[in-house]
């Protein structure tokens, strides 16, 4: 009986140690990537041709700080650097792209739903304030460069975390949904204002979290 009580006590203590408690703080570093190729089969009834087109490439790095303002509910602030390349058109054997290189500041919030011991579902909502340089590649003329700034609202609905130890956890995000609004500048004049929405299934982000 004493052994059973001792085991129950150890289990309860372990659950408490690995819980996401109010007041916990942490540093986080993460990397994200989205890339690949799209293959299409074109047939005219007599022969088929496999047509390859590159997909969007999206690479990102983040460094941030977070804290739990309530049990299982956290706020986070990250600095990030992003590179995005979107194929626009093919010119001979070369693809011409639209390229973005930027940095941003991203506050976000997330709620932790316990699925199993140390394993959590962690949906996240946030906004990313960005600025950087946009490049419009051309074939016979020099590429055109424009500065931009704006913001994007994002939702990471397929996000999960495993609390490896009281001081360390690993997280993964699959898929990406974002609404972006950006202003592009030709020197000091506004060149255009763009609004876009995207949802990617070939997007993966992983992070390492170090608790204080």
C-alpha atoms as a PDB file:
ATOM      1  CA  UNK A   1       0.000   0.000   0.000  1.00  0.00           C
ATOM      2  CA  UNK A   2       2.830   2.387   0.891  1.00  0.00           C
ATOM      3  CA  UNK A   3       4.523   1.595  -2.430  1.00  0.00           C
ATOM      4  CA  UNK A   4       1.308   2.357  -4.326  1.00  0.00           C
ATOM      5  CA  UNK A   5       0.915   5.714  -2.533  1.00  0.00           C
ATOM      6  CA  UNK A   6       4.572   6.509  -3.275  1.00  0.00           C
ATOM      7  CA  UNK A   7       4.157   5.693  -6.980  1.00  0.00           C
ATOM      8  CA  UNK A   8       1.015   7.852  -7.229  1.00  0.00           C
ATOM      9  CA  UNK A   9       2.857  10.713  -5.525  1.00  0.00           C
ATOM     10  CA  UNK A  10       5.799  10.432  -7.939  1.00  0.00           C
ATOM     11  CA  UNK A  11       3.416  10.388 -10.925  1.00  0.00           C
ATOM     12  CA  UNK A  12       1.576  13.486  -9.719  1.00  0.00           C
ATOM     13  CA  UNK A  13       4.862  15.291  -9.061  1.00  0.00           C
ATOM     14  CA  UNK A  14       6.100  14.361 -12.540  1.00  0.00           C
ATOM     15  CA  UNK A  15       2.922  15.702 -14.148  1.00  0.00           C
ATOM     16  CA  UNK A  16       3.326  18.961 -12.237  1.00  0.00           C
ATOM     17  CA  UNK A  17       7.002  19.312 -13.249  1.00  0.00           C
ATOM     18  CA  UNK A  18       6.142  18.968 -16.938  1.00  0.00           C
ATOM     19  CA  UNK A  19       3.024  21.157 -16.873  1.00  0.00           C
ATOM     20  CA  UNK A  20       2.981  24.563 -18.541  1.00  0.00           C
ATOM     21  CA  UNK A  21       2.576  26.652 -15.393  1.00  0.00           C
ATOM     22  CA  UNK A  22       1.826  30.364 -14.995  1.00  0.00           C
ATOM     23  CA  UNK A  23       5.020  32.381 -14.716  1.00  0.00           C
ATOM     24  CA  UNK A  24       7.242  30.026 -16.739  1.00  0.00           C
ATOM     25  CA  UNK A  25       9.576  31.820 -19.160  1.00  0.00           C
ATOM     26  CA  UNK A  26      11.646  30.514 -22.043  1.00  0.00           C
ATOM     27  CA  UNK A  27      13.861  31.298 -25.018  1.00  0.00           C
ATOM     28  CA  UNK A  28      12.980  29.785 -28.382  1.00  0.00           C
ATOM     29  CA  UNK A  29      14.869  29.278 -31.637  1.00  0.00           C
ATOM     30  CA  UNK A  30      13.182  27.879 -34.739  1.00  0.00           C
ATOM     31  CA  UNK A  31      13.642  27.192 -38.444  1.00  0.00           C
ATOM     32  CA  UNK A  32      11.025  26.768 -41.170  1.00  0.00           C
ATOM     33  CA  UNK A  33      11.073  25.609 -44.787  1.00  0.00           C
ATOM     34  CA  UNK A  34       8.712  25.128 -47.716  1.00  0.00           C
ATOM     35  CA  UNK A  35       9.953  24.018 -51.143  1.00  0.00           C
ATOM     36  CA  UNK A  36       9.618  21.418 -53.873  1.00  0.00           C
ATOM     37  CA  UNK A  37       8.650  20.853 -57.491  1.00  0.00           C
ATOM     38  CA  UNK A  38       5.290  20.416 -59.200  1.00  0.00           C
ATOM     39  CA  UNK A  39       5.071  17.686 -61.844  1.00  0.00           C
ATOM     40  CA  UNK A  40       2.319  17.728 -64.461  1.00  0.00           C
ATOM     41  CA  UNK A  41       1.545  15.159 -67.122  1.00  0.00           C
ATOM     42  CA  UNK A  42       0.372  16.656 -70.422  1.00  0.00           C
ATOM     43  CA  UNK A  43      -1.118  14.278 -73.012  1.00  0.00           C
ATOM     44  CA  UNK A  44      -2.445  14.945 -76.524  1.00  0.00           C
ATOM     45  CA  UNK A  45      -3.787  11.428 -77.056  1.00  0.00           C
ATOM     46  CA  UNK A  46      -0.653  10.119 -78.771  1.00  0.00           C
ATOM     47  CA  UNK A  47       2.158  10.974 -76.383  1.00  0.00           C
ATOM     48  CA  UNK A  48       2.617  12.288 -72.869  1.00  0.00           C
ATOM     49  CA  UNK A  49       5.109  14.832 -71.579  1.00  0.00           C
ATOM     50  CA  UNK A  50       6.114  15.206 -67.941  1.00  0.00           C
ATOM     51  CA  UNK A  51       6.282  18.919 -67.175  1.00  0.00           C
ATOM     52  CA  UNK A  52       8.210  20.132 -64.133  1.00  0.00           C
ATOM     53  CA  UNK A  53       7.611  23.495 -62.476  1.00  0.00           C
ATOM     54  CA  UNK A  54       9.338  24.680 -59.287  1.00  0.00           C
ATOM     55  CA  UNK A  55       7.080  25.512 -56.362  1.00  0.00           C
ATOM     56  CA  UNK A  56       7.465  28.402 -53.965  1.00  0.00           C
ATOM     57  CA  UNK A  57      10.520  28.351 -51.703  1.00  0.00           C
ATOM     58  CA  UNK A  58      10.113  29.814 -48.219  1.00  0.00           C
ATOM     59  CA  UNK A  59      12.917  29.734 -45.615  1.00  0.00           C
ATOM     60  CA  UNK A  60      12.841  31.324 -42.168  1.00  0.00           C
ATOM     61  CA  UNK A  61      14.777  31.643 -38.915  1.00  0.00           C
ATOM     62  CA  UNK A  62      13.402  32.902 -35.573  1.00  0.00           C
ATOM     63  CA  UNK A  63      14.718  33.810 -32.145  1.00  0.00           C
ATOM     64  CA  UNK A  64      12.325  34.807 -29.384  1.00  0.00           C
ATOM     65  CA  UNK A  65      11.185  34.978 -25.785  1.00  0.00           C
ATOM     66  CA  UNK A  66       7.949  33.719 -24.258  1.00  0.00           C
ATOM     67  CA  UNK A  67       6.131  33.478 -20.966  1.00  0.00           C
ATOM     68  CA  UNK A  68       3.020  31.767 -19.607  1.00  0.00           C
ATOM     69  CA  UNK A  69       0.564  34.399 -18.371  1.00  0.00           C
ATOM     70  CA  UNK A  70      -1.752  31.600 -17.173  1.00  0.00           C
ATOM     71  CA  UNK A  71      -1.567  27.840 -16.987  1.00  0.00           C
ATOM     72  CA  UNK A  72      -1.205  26.441 -20.531  1.00  0.00           C
ATOM     73  CA  UNK A  73      -1.626  29.930 -22.073  1.00  0.00           C
ATOM     74  CA  UNK A  74       1.480  31.693 -23.330  1.00  0.00           C
ATOM     75  CA  UNK A  75       2.532  34.919 -25.067  1.00  0.00           C
ATOM     76  CA  UNK A  76       5.611  35.097 -27.285  1.00  0.00           C
ATOM     77  CA  UNK A  77       7.676  37.725 -29.115  1.00  0.00           C
ATOM     78  CA  UNK A  78      10.087  36.725 -31.899  1.00  0.00           C
ATOM     79  CA  UNK A  79      12.570  38.354 -34.244  1.00  0.00           C
ATOM     80  CA  UNK A  80      12.675  36.613 -37.607  1.00  0.00           C
ATOM     81  CA  UNK A  81      14.449  36.615 -40.965  1.00  0.00           C
ATOM     82  CA  UNK A  82      12.707  35.254 -44.074  1.00  0.00           C
ATOM     83  CA  UNK A  83      13.501  34.490 -47.695  1.00  0.00           C
ATOM     84  CA  UNK A  84      10.745  33.699 -50.199  1.00  0.00           C
ATOM     85  CA  UNK A  85      11.031  32.855 -53.891  1.00  0.00           C
ATOM     86  CA  UNK A  86       7.956  32.520 -56.119  1.00  0.00           C
ATOM     87  CA  UNK A  87       8.373  31.261 -59.730  1.00  0.00           C
ATOM     88  CA  UNK A  88       6.606  33.653 -62.109  1.00  0.00           C
ATOM     89  CA  UNK A  89       7.336  32.571 -65.691  1.00  0.00           C
ATOM     90  CA  UNK A  90       9.718  30.440 -67.730  1.00  0.00           C
ATOM     91  CA  UNK A  91      12.130  32.032 -70.190  1.00  0.00           C
ATOM     92  CA  UNK A  92      13.888  29.327 -72.175  1.00  0.00           C
ATOM     93  CA  UNK A  93      15.448  26.942 -69.676  1.00  0.00           C
ATOM     94  CA  UNK A  94      15.383  29.542 -66.909  1.00  0.00           C
ATOM     95  CA  UNK A  95      12.609  30.375 -64.469  1.00  0.00           C
ATOM     96  CA  UNK A  96      12.093  34.039 -63.578  1.00  0.00           C
ATOM     97  CA  UNK A  97      11.139  34.599 -59.946  1.00  0.00           C
ATOM     98  CA  UNK A  98       9.743  37.122 -57.536  1.00  0.00           C
ATOM     99  CA  UNK A  99      12.005  37.234 -54.466  1.00  0.00           C
ATOM    100  CA  UNK A 100      11.457  38.665 -50.976  1.00  0.00           C
ATOM    101  CA  UNK A 101      14.175  39.090 -48.325  1.00  0.00           C
ATOM    102  CA  UNK A 102      12.962  40.556 -45.063  1.00  0.00           C
ATOM    103  CA  UNK A 103      13.051  40.740 -41.285  1.00  0.00           C
ATOM    104  CA  UNK A 104      10.163  40.997 -38.881  1.00  0.00           C
ATOM    105  CA  UNK A 105       8.876  41.300 -35.337  1.00  0.00           C
ATOM    106  CA  UNK A 106       6.151  38.794 -34.435  1.00  0.00           C
ATOM    107  CA  UNK A 107       4.033  38.750 -31.251  1.00  0.00           C
ATOM    108  CA  UNK A 108       1.832  35.651 -30.877  1.00  0.00           C
ATOM    109  CA  UNK A 109      -0.311  33.681 -28.447  1.00  0.00           C
ATOM    110  CA  UNK A 110      -0.944  29.971 -28.019  1.00  0.00           C
ATOM    111  CA  UNK A 111      -2.951  27.613 -25.811  1.00  0.00           C
ATOM    112  CA  UNK A 112      -1.579  24.199 -24.793  1.00  0.00           C
ATOM    113  CA  UNK A 113      -3.985  21.253 -24.922  1.00  0.00           C
ATOM    114  CA  UNK A 114      -2.576  18.132 -23.248  1.00  0.00           C
ATOM    115  CA  UNK A 115      -2.940  15.071 -25.509  1.00  0.00           C
ATOM    116  CA  UNK A 116      -0.691  12.684 -23.579  1.00  0.00           C
ATOM    117  CA  UNK A 117       2.050  12.746 -20.978  1.00  0.00           C
ATOM    118  CA  UNK A 118       4.380  15.651 -21.980  1.00  0.00           C
ATOM    119  CA  UNK A 119       2.701  15.904 -25.426  1.00  0.00           C
ATOM    120  CA  UNK A 120       0.576  18.963 -26.327  1.00  0.00           C
ATOM    121  CA  UNK A 121      -1.484  20.367 -29.173  1.00  0.00           C
ATOM    122  CA  UNK A 122      -0.502  24.056 -29.407  1.00  0.00           C
ATOM    123  CA  UNK A 123      -2.546  26.098 -31.936  1.00  0.00           C
ATOM    124  CA  UNK A 124      -1.065  29.568 -32.419  1.00  0.00           C
ATOM    125  CA  UNK A 125      -2.285  32.962 -33.655  1.00  0.00           C
ATOM    126  CA  UNK A 126       0.016  35.899 -34.357  1.00  0.00           C
ATOM    127  CA  UNK A 127       0.961  38.932 -36.419  1.00  0.00           C
ATOM    128  CA  UNK A 128       4.295  39.562 -38.122  1.00  0.00           C
ATOM    129  CA  UNK A 129       5.399  43.155 -38.841  1.00  0.00           C
ATOM    130  CA  UNK A 130       7.846  42.966 -41.743  1.00  0.00           C
ATOM    131  CA  UNK A 131      10.113  45.093 -43.912  1.00  0.00           C
ATOM    132  CA  UNK A 132      12.712  44.219 -46.549  1.00  0.00           C
ATOM    133  CA  UNK A 133      13.498  44.143 -50.267  1.00  0.00           C
ATOM    134  CA  UNK A 134      11.498  42.719 -53.167  1.00  0.00           C
ATOM    135  CA  UNK A 135      13.211  41.706 -56.441  1.00  0.00           C
ATOM    136  CA  UNK A 136      11.429  41.285 -59.783  1.00  0.00           C
ATOM    137  CA  UNK A 137      13.679  39.129 -61.985  1.00  0.00           C
ATOM    138  CA  UNK A 138      13.798  39.859 -65.716  1.00  0.00           C
ATOM    139  CA  UNK A 139      15.468  38.039 -68.602  1.00  0.00           C
ATOM    140  CA  UNK A 140      16.744  40.708 -70.988  1.00  0.00           C
ATOM    141  CA  UNK A 141      16.837  43.632 -68.538  1.00  0.00           C
ATOM    142  CA  UNK A 142      18.302  44.123 -65.049  1.00  0.00           C
ATOM    143  CA  UNK A 143      16.155  42.937 -62.161  1.00  0.00           C
ATOM    144  CA  UNK A 144      14.024  45.576 -60.452  1.00  0.00           C
ATOM    145  CA  UNK A 145      14.331  46.072 -56.683  1.00  0.00           C
ATOM    146  CA  UNK A 146      11.749  47.673 -54.371  1.00  0.00           C
ATOM    147  CA  UNK A 147      11.692  48.206 -50.618  1.00  0.00           C
ATOM    148  CA  UNK A 148       8.556  47.027 -48.808  1.00  0.00           C
ATOM    149  CA  UNK A 149       6.947  47.047 -45.393  1.00  0.00           C
ATOM    150  CA  UNK A 150       3.728  45.623 -44.040  1.00  0.00           C
ATOM    151  CA  UNK A 151       2.210  42.991 -41.803  1.00  0.00           C
ATOM    152  CA  UNK A 152       0.810  39.476 -41.992  1.00  0.00           C
ATOM    153  CA  UNK A 153      -1.726  37.709 -39.804  1.00  0.00           C
ATOM    154  CA  UNK A 154      -1.056  34.016 -39.397  1.00  0.00           C
ATOM    155  CA  UNK A 155      -2.587  30.905 -37.869  1.00  0.00           C
ATOM    156  CA  UNK A 156      -0.675  27.729 -37.085  1.00  0.00           C
ATOM    157  CA  UNK A 157      -3.490  25.239 -36.540  1.00  0.00           C
ATOM    158  CA  UNK A 158      -1.429  22.035 -36.819  1.00  0.00           C
ATOM    159  CA  UNK A 159       1.155  22.670 -34.098  1.00  0.00           C
ATOM    160  CA  UNK A 160       2.431  20.182 -31.512  1.00  0.00           C
ATOM    161  CA  UNK A 161       4.994  20.185 -28.681  1.00  0.00           C
ATOM    162  CA  UNK A 162       6.792  17.546 -26.637  1.00  0.00           C
ATOM    163  CA  UNK A 163       8.163  18.554 -23.220  1.00  0.00           C
ATOM    164  CA  UNK A 164      11.402  16.557 -23.189  1.00  0.00           C
ATOM    165  CA  UNK A 165      12.444  17.749 -19.715  1.00  0.00           C
ATOM    166  CA  UNK A 166      11.573  20.548 -17.268  1.00  0.00           C
ATOM    167  CA  UNK A 167      14.101  22.793 -19.094  1.00  0.00           C
ATOM    168  CA  UNK A 168      13.661  21.752 -22.732  1.00  0.00           C
ATOM    169  CA  UNK A 169      10.931  21.042 -25.303  1.00  0.00           C
ATOM    170  CA  UNK A 170      10.627  20.456 -29.052  1.00  0.00           C
ATOM    171  CA  UNK A 171       7.859  21.799 -31.286  1.00  0.00           C
ATOM    172  CA  UNK A 172       6.685  21.205 -34.843  1.00  0.00           C
ATOM    173  CA  UNK A 173       4.252  23.096 -37.100  1.00  0.00           C
ATOM    174  CA  UNK A 174       2.769  21.542 -40.244  1.00  0.00           C
ATOM    175  CA  UNK A 175       1.002  23.740 -42.843  1.00  0.00           C
ATOM    176  CA  UNK A 176       0.820  27.527 -42.928  1.00  0.00           C
ATOM    177  CA  UNK A 177      -2.077  29.995 -43.307  1.00  0.00           C
ATOM    178  CA  UNK A 178      -1.342  33.734 -43.717  1.00  0.00           C
ATOM    179  CA  UNK A 179      -2.969  36.995 -44.786  1.00  0.00           C
ATOM    180  CA  UNK A 180      -0.448  39.612 -45.919  1.00  0.00           C
ATOM    181  CA  UNK A 181      -0.745  43.327 -46.642  1.00  0.00           C
ATOM    182  CA  UNK A 182       2.386  45.128 -47.899  1.00  0.00           C
ATOM    183  CA  UNK A 183       3.343  48.505 -49.362  1.00  0.00           C
ATOM    184  CA  UNK A 184       6.074  48.601 -52.033  1.00  0.00           C
ATOM    185  CA  UNK A 185       8.196  51.695 -52.554  1.00  0.00           C
ATOM    186  CA  UNK A 186      10.025  53.056 -55.597  1.00  0.00           C
ATOM    187  CA  UNK A 187      12.510  55.203 -53.696  1.00  0.00           C
ATOM    188  CA  UNK A 188      10.243  57.201 -51.341  1.00  0.00           C
ATOM    189  CA  UNK A 189       7.048  56.898 -53.435  1.00  0.00           C
ATOM    190  CA  UNK A 190       4.499  54.112 -52.925  1.00  0.00           C
ATOM    191  CA  UNK A 191       4.698  51.861 -55.988  1.00  0.00           C
ATOM    192  CA  UNK A 192       1.885  49.453 -55.085  1.00  0.00           C
ATOM    193  CA  UNK A 193      -0.122  47.977 -52.209  1.00  0.00           C
ATOM    194  CA  UNK A 194      -0.587  44.217 -52.276  1.00  0.00           C
ATOM    195  CA  UNK A 195      -2.947  41.969 -50.308  1.00  0.00           C
ATOM    196  CA  UNK A 196      -2.532  38.198 -50.446  1.00  0.00           C
ATOM    197  CA  UNK A 197      -3.801  35.079 -48.685  1.00  0.00           C
ATOM    198  CA  UNK A 198      -1.937  31.771 -48.754  1.00  0.00           C
ATOM    199  CA  UNK A 199      -2.315  28.297 -47.322  1.00  0.00           C
ATOM    200  CA  UNK A 200       0.572  25.833 -47.656  1.00  0.00           C
ATOM    201  CA  UNK A 201       0.527  22.133 -46.896  1.00  0.00           C
ATOM    202  CA  UNK A 202       4.218  21.628 -47.808  1.00  0.00           C
ATOM    203  CA  UNK A 203       5.388  23.896 -44.969  1.00  0.00           C
ATOM    204  CA  UNK A 204       7.228  22.593 -41.894  1.00  0.00           C
ATOM    205  CA  UNK A 205       8.707  24.515 -38.940  1.00  0.00           C
ATOM    206  CA  UNK A 206      10.601  23.021 -35.998  1.00  0.00           C
ATOM    207  CA  UNK A 207      11.786  24.744 -32.832  1.00  0.00           C
ATOM    208  CA  UNK A 208      13.784  24.169 -29.681  1.00  0.00           C
ATOM    209  CA  UNK A 209      12.601  25.831 -26.446  1.00  0.00           C
ATOM    210  CA  UNK A 210      14.805  26.409 -23.398  1.00  0.00           C
ATOM    211  CA  UNK A 211      12.954  27.167 -20.152  1.00  0.00           C
ATOM    212  CA  UNK A 212      14.442  29.508 -17.543  1.00  0.00           C
END
